[in-house]
């Protein structure tokens, strides 16, 4: 019997996943969204377990999360996820975060995924997988009211804000920099005092290139005129010592 197009999965804001404001950290919410995406695709036959067996994998290309508020400590909530579109080389997947007890909607997410060959690292046609099984799960009618990820345009006036060396905890199952670690390192650019008075509203990440274990990643920061939006560019050095961009991010606070 075919599965529903929309998946709904239960999570909770564990105390050790919350910050000093007793709210779920964005990095942990990001993990919950990606877990929901994995559960949804696994249940429908095009998940990582199947793909790894045929030397393919999903790669996150873009992620935007917009929250009216973060779930408070101990809150139980659903993450709903569904595929909005499926094209040859990309699929758009959306998320909704909703409190189980009150029904309050905390926020939404949008993501763009590609499928690649794990040996060549080149894009592969996802509609060839299981005779295009993903197409039967496209849900175009369910609303995701937040804007899609923007083009983060940064000039040359961004300043070097931090540099990190990627270690064991930064590396994911695909052998490169974990998608959520980008979020965590970007959000570490702001102080506790800032977070005490400025709730995080929206974060966007556009993944450009891969970083690997041992790479030194530099973060360049540009604070916009509105005082609540910051643009971040992450780069690494190539073999010739030239900077190669690996991602761009936009962070907006209330």
Protein backbone atom coordinates (compact mmCIF):
# COMPACT_ATOMS: atom_id res chain seq x y z
CA UNK A 1 0.00 0.00 0.00
CA UNK A 2 1.50 3.40 -1.00
CA UNK A 3 2.64 5.70 1.77
CA UNK A 4 1.13 9.14 2.31
CA UNK A 5 2.89 11.96 0.50
CA UNK A 6 3.41 13.87 3.75
CA UNK A 7 5.47 12.38 6.57
CA UNK A 8 4.99 13.39 10.21
CA UNK A 9 7.60 12.56 12.85
CA UNK A 10 7.69 13.27 16.57
CA UNK A 11 10.63 14.90 18.34
CA UNK A 12 11.15 16.73 21.61
CA UNK A 13 13.34 19.54 22.87
CA UNK A 14 15.73 17.62 25.10
CA UNK A 15 17.30 19.74 27.86
CA UNK A 16 20.85 19.16 26.65
CA UNK A 17 19.82 20.31 23.16
CA UNK A 18 18.62 23.68 24.48
CA UNK A 19 20.54 26.92 24.98
CA UNK A 20 20.70 29.26 27.97
CA UNK A 21 17.29 30.68 26.96
CA UNK A 22 15.85 27.18 27.48
CA UNK A 23 14.96 26.95 23.80
CA UNK A 24 15.98 24.30 21.29
CA UNK A 25 19.19 25.22 19.50
CA UNK A 26 18.91 25.80 15.77
CA UNK A 27 21.59 23.22 15.03
CA UNK A 28 19.60 20.50 16.78
CA UNK A 29 16.42 21.58 15.01
CA UNK A 30 18.35 21.32 11.75
CA UNK A 31 19.27 17.75 12.66
CA UNK A 32 15.60 16.97 13.35
CA UNK A 33 14.60 18.33 9.94
CA UNK A 34 17.25 16.27 8.19
CA UNK A 35 16.25 13.19 10.18
CA UNK A 36 12.64 13.72 9.13
CA UNK A 37 13.77 13.96 5.50
CA UNK A 38 15.69 10.71 5.90
CA UNK A 39 12.75 8.90 7.56
CA UNK A 40 10.40 10.10 4.82
CA UNK A 41 12.65 8.99 1.96
CA UNK A 42 13.58 5.69 3.64
CA UNK A 43 9.92 4.79 4.16
CA UNK A 44 9.22 5.43 0.47
CA UNK A 45 12.10 3.51 -1.04
CA UNK A 46 14.57 6.21 -2.05
CA UNK A 47 16.47 6.73 1.20
CA UNK A 48 20.15 6.55 2.04
CA UNK A 49 20.20 2.83 2.81
CA UNK A 50 18.96 1.93 -0.66
CA UNK A 51 21.00 4.62 -2.42
CA UNK A 52 24.28 3.66 -0.76
CA UNK A 53 23.77 0.13 -2.08
CA UNK A 54 23.79 1.48 -5.65
CA UNK A 55 26.62 3.97 -4.95
CA UNK A 56 24.41 7.04 -4.82
CA UNK A 57 23.60 9.50 -2.04
CA UNK A 58 21.57 12.61 -1.28
CA UNK A 59 23.45 15.90 -0.89
CA UNK A 60 21.87 18.99 0.64
CA UNK A 61 22.26 22.00 -1.65
CA UNK A 62 20.23 24.71 0.08
CA UNK A 63 18.45 25.06 3.42
CA UNK A 64 16.28 27.87 4.78
CA UNK A 65 14.65 27.71 8.22
CA UNK A 66 12.34 30.45 9.47
CA UNK A 67 10.97 30.29 13.01
CA UNK A 68 8.48 32.46 14.86
CA UNK A 69 9.94 30.93 18.00
CA UNK A 70 12.06 27.94 18.90
CA UNK A 71 10.44 25.04 20.80
CA UNK A 72 10.94 25.47 24.57
CA UNK A 73 12.69 22.87 26.71
CA UNK A 74 10.73 19.60 27.00
CA UNK A 75 8.26 20.60 24.28
CA UNK A 76 7.13 17.74 22.06
CA UNK A 77 6.63 18.67 18.45
CA UNK A 78 6.02 17.24 15.02
CA UNK A 79 8.16 17.79 11.97
CA UNK A 80 6.12 17.35 8.83
CA UNK A 81 7.97 16.99 5.56
CA UNK A 82 6.99 16.62 1.94
CA UNK A 83 8.48 16.84 -1.56
CA UNK A 84 7.27 19.96 -3.35
CA UNK A 85 8.94 19.30 -6.73
CA UNK A 86 11.16 16.63 -8.25
CA UNK A 87 13.29 17.40 -11.30
CA UNK A 88 16.12 15.51 -12.99
CA UNK A 89 18.92 16.72 -10.75
CA UNK A 90 17.22 18.53 -7.86
CA UNK A 91 14.26 18.06 -5.54
CA UNK A 92 12.63 20.65 -3.30
CA UNK A 93 11.58 19.43 0.14
CA UNK A 94 9.64 21.45 2.72
CA UNK A 95 9.16 21.21 6.49
CA UNK A 96 6.65 22.35 9.10
CA UNK A 97 7.42 22.40 12.85
CA UNK A 98 4.33 22.22 15.06
CA UNK A 99 3.77 21.77 18.80
CA UNK A 100 1.97 18.51 19.59
CA UNK A 101 0.00 19.70 22.62
CA UNK A 102 -1.09 23.20 21.58
CA UNK A 103 -0.97 22.91 17.80
CA UNK A 104 1.15 26.07 17.63
CA UNK A 105 3.24 26.30 14.46
CA UNK A 106 6.80 27.20 15.42
CA UNK A 107 8.05 27.63 11.88
CA UNK A 108 8.85 26.18 8.48
CA UNK A 109 11.80 25.08 6.39
CA UNK A 110 12.68 24.79 2.72
CA UNK A 111 15.46 22.69 1.27
CA UNK A 112 16.96 21.73 -2.08
CA UNK A 113 18.64 18.36 -2.57
CA UNK A 114 20.73 16.78 -5.30
CA UNK A 115 21.58 13.13 -5.85
CA UNK A 116 25.19 12.29 -6.68
CA UNK A 117 27.26 9.25 -7.58
CA UNK A 118 29.48 8.44 -4.57
CA UNK A 119 32.40 7.38 -6.78
CA UNK A 120 32.45 10.20 -9.34
CA UNK A 121 30.86 12.85 -7.04
CA UNK A 122 28.86 13.94 -10.09
CA UNK A 123 25.10 14.65 -10.18
CA UNK A 124 22.87 11.76 -11.20
CA UNK A 125 19.32 11.76 -12.56
CA UNK A 126 17.13 11.10 -9.53
CA UNK A 127 14.15 10.29 -11.78
CA UNK A 128 16.04 7.16 -12.91
CA UNK A 129 15.96 5.75 -9.36
CA UNK A 130 13.27 3.11 -8.83
CA UNK A 131 11.57 4.12 -12.07
CA UNK A 132 11.07 7.65 -10.80
CA UNK A 133 9.40 6.58 -7.55
CA UNK A 134 9.95 10.00 -6.01
CA UNK A 135 7.53 11.56 -8.51
CA UNK A 136 4.50 9.80 -7.02
CA UNK A 137 5.18 11.51 -3.68
CA UNK A 138 5.27 15.09 -4.95
CA UNK A 139 2.83 17.23 -2.95
CA UNK A 140 2.17 20.61 -4.59
CA UNK A 141 -0.94 21.64 -2.65
CA UNK A 142 0.45 21.84 0.92
CA UNK A 143 1.48 25.37 1.82
CA UNK A 144 4.94 26.39 2.92
CA UNK A 145 4.52 30.13 3.55
CA UNK A 146 8.15 31.16 3.97
CA UNK A 147 10.29 32.57 1.16
CA UNK A 148 12.69 30.39 -0.74
CA UNK A 149 16.39 30.82 -0.10
CA UNK A 150 17.76 34.07 -1.50
CA UNK A 151 20.94 34.76 -3.40
CA UNK A 152 23.35 35.90 -0.71
CA UNK A 153 25.33 38.67 -2.38
CA UNK A 154 28.45 39.70 -0.50
CA UNK A 155 30.91 42.37 -1.50
CA UNK A 156 34.60 42.68 -0.74
CA UNK A 157 33.98 44.53 2.52
CA UNK A 158 33.27 41.38 4.55
CA UNK A 159 35.73 40.95 7.42
CA UNK A 160 37.41 37.77 8.62
CA UNK A 161 35.48 36.78 11.74
CA UNK A 162 36.76 33.31 12.58
CA UNK A 163 38.81 30.36 11.33
CA UNK A 164 38.32 26.74 12.31
CA UNK A 165 40.04 23.47 11.51
CA UNK A 166 37.59 20.68 10.65
CA UNK A 167 37.83 17.74 13.03
CA UNK A 168 36.14 14.39 13.65
CA UNK A 169 32.87 15.89 14.92
CA UNK A 170 32.54 18.05 11.79
CA UNK A 171 32.51 15.11 9.35
CA UNK A 172 29.34 13.28 8.26
CA UNK A 173 28.51 9.88 6.74
CA UNK A 174 29.51 11.11 3.28
CA UNK A 175 33.02 11.96 4.51
CA UNK A 176 32.69 15.73 4.26
CA UNK A 177 31.73 18.71 6.42
CA UNK A 178 28.38 18.01 8.07
CA UNK A 179 25.51 20.17 6.75
CA UNK A 180 24.39 21.19 10.24
CA UNK A 181 27.93 22.07 11.35
CA UNK A 182 27.83 24.97 8.89
CA UNK A 183 24.83 26.30 10.83
CA UNK A 184 26.51 25.88 14.20
CA UNK A 185 29.76 27.56 13.17
CA UNK A 186 27.88 30.49 11.59
CA UNK A 187 25.77 30.98 14.72
CA UNK A 188 28.88 30.88 16.92
CA UNK A 189 29.86 34.24 15.42
CA UNK A 190 27.35 35.96 17.72
CA UNK A 191 27.74 36.53 21.47
CA UNK A 192 25.57 35.27 24.32
CA UNK A 193 24.61 38.88 25.03
CA UNK A 194 23.29 39.21 21.47
CA UNK A 195 21.19 36.05 21.76
CA UNK A 196 19.78 37.20 25.09
CA UNK A 197 17.94 40.06 23.36
CA UNK A 198 17.69 38.95 19.71
CA UNK A 199 15.83 35.69 18.99
CA UNK A 200 16.97 33.97 15.82
CA UNK A 201 14.32 34.33 13.12
CA UNK A 202 15.73 32.90 9.89
CA UNK A 203 18.87 31.23 8.63
CA UNK A 204 19.77 30.34 5.06
CA UNK A 205 22.65 28.17 3.91
CA UNK A 206 23.69 27.72 0.28
CA UNK A 207 26.23 24.91 -0.03
CA UNK A 208 28.76 25.52 -2.80
CA UNK A 209 31.64 23.06 -2.34
CA UNK A 210 32.74 20.36 0.06
CA UNK A 211 35.15 20.73 2.95
CA UNK A 212 36.95 17.72 4.41
CA UNK A 213 38.77 16.63 7.54
CA UNK A 214 41.77 18.83 8.30
CA UNK A 215 40.68 21.76 6.13
CA UNK A 216 40.99 25.23 7.63
CA UNK A 217 37.68 26.99 7.09
CA UNK A 218 37.55 30.79 7.30
CA UNK A 219 34.34 32.71 7.97
CA UNK A 220 33.89 36.20 6.53
CA UNK A 221 31.12 38.34 7.99
CA UNK A 222 29.17 41.35 6.72
CA UNK A 223 26.60 43.06 8.98
CA UNK A 224 23.90 44.81 6.96
CA UNK A 225 22.48 48.27 7.63
CA UNK A 226 19.30 46.97 9.29
CA UNK A 227 21.35 45.76 12.26
CA UNK A 228 19.51 42.42 12.37
CA UNK A 229 20.81 40.65 9.27
CA UNK A 230 24.31 39.25 8.79
CA UNK A 231 25.79 37.66 5.69
CA UNK A 232 28.51 35.03 6.06
CA UNK A 233 30.84 33.48 3.51
CA UNK A 234 32.83 30.34 4.38
CA UNK A 235 35.98 29.51 2.39
CA UNK A 236 38.85 27.04 2.44
CA UNK A 237 42.27 27.16 0.77
CA UNK A 238 42.91 24.95 -2.25
CA UNK A 239 46.19 23.19 -3.00
CA UNK A 240 47.59 26.41 -4.45
CA UNK A 241 46.65 28.45 -1.40
CA UNK A 242 43.75 30.18 -3.16
CA UNK A 243 40.48 30.68 -1.30
CA UNK A 244 37.61 28.49 -2.51
CA UNK A 245 34.10 29.32 -1.39
CA UNK A 246 32.28 26.43 0.27
CA UNK A 247 29.04 28.12 1.37
CA UNK A 248 27.15 31.35 1.88
CA UNK A 249 24.73 32.07 4.69
CA UNK A 250 22.19 34.69 5.72
CA UNK A 251 21.19 35.06 9.38
CA UNK A 252 18.27 37.25 10.47
CA UNK A 253 17.26 38.08 14.04
CA UNK A 254 14.21 39.63 15.65
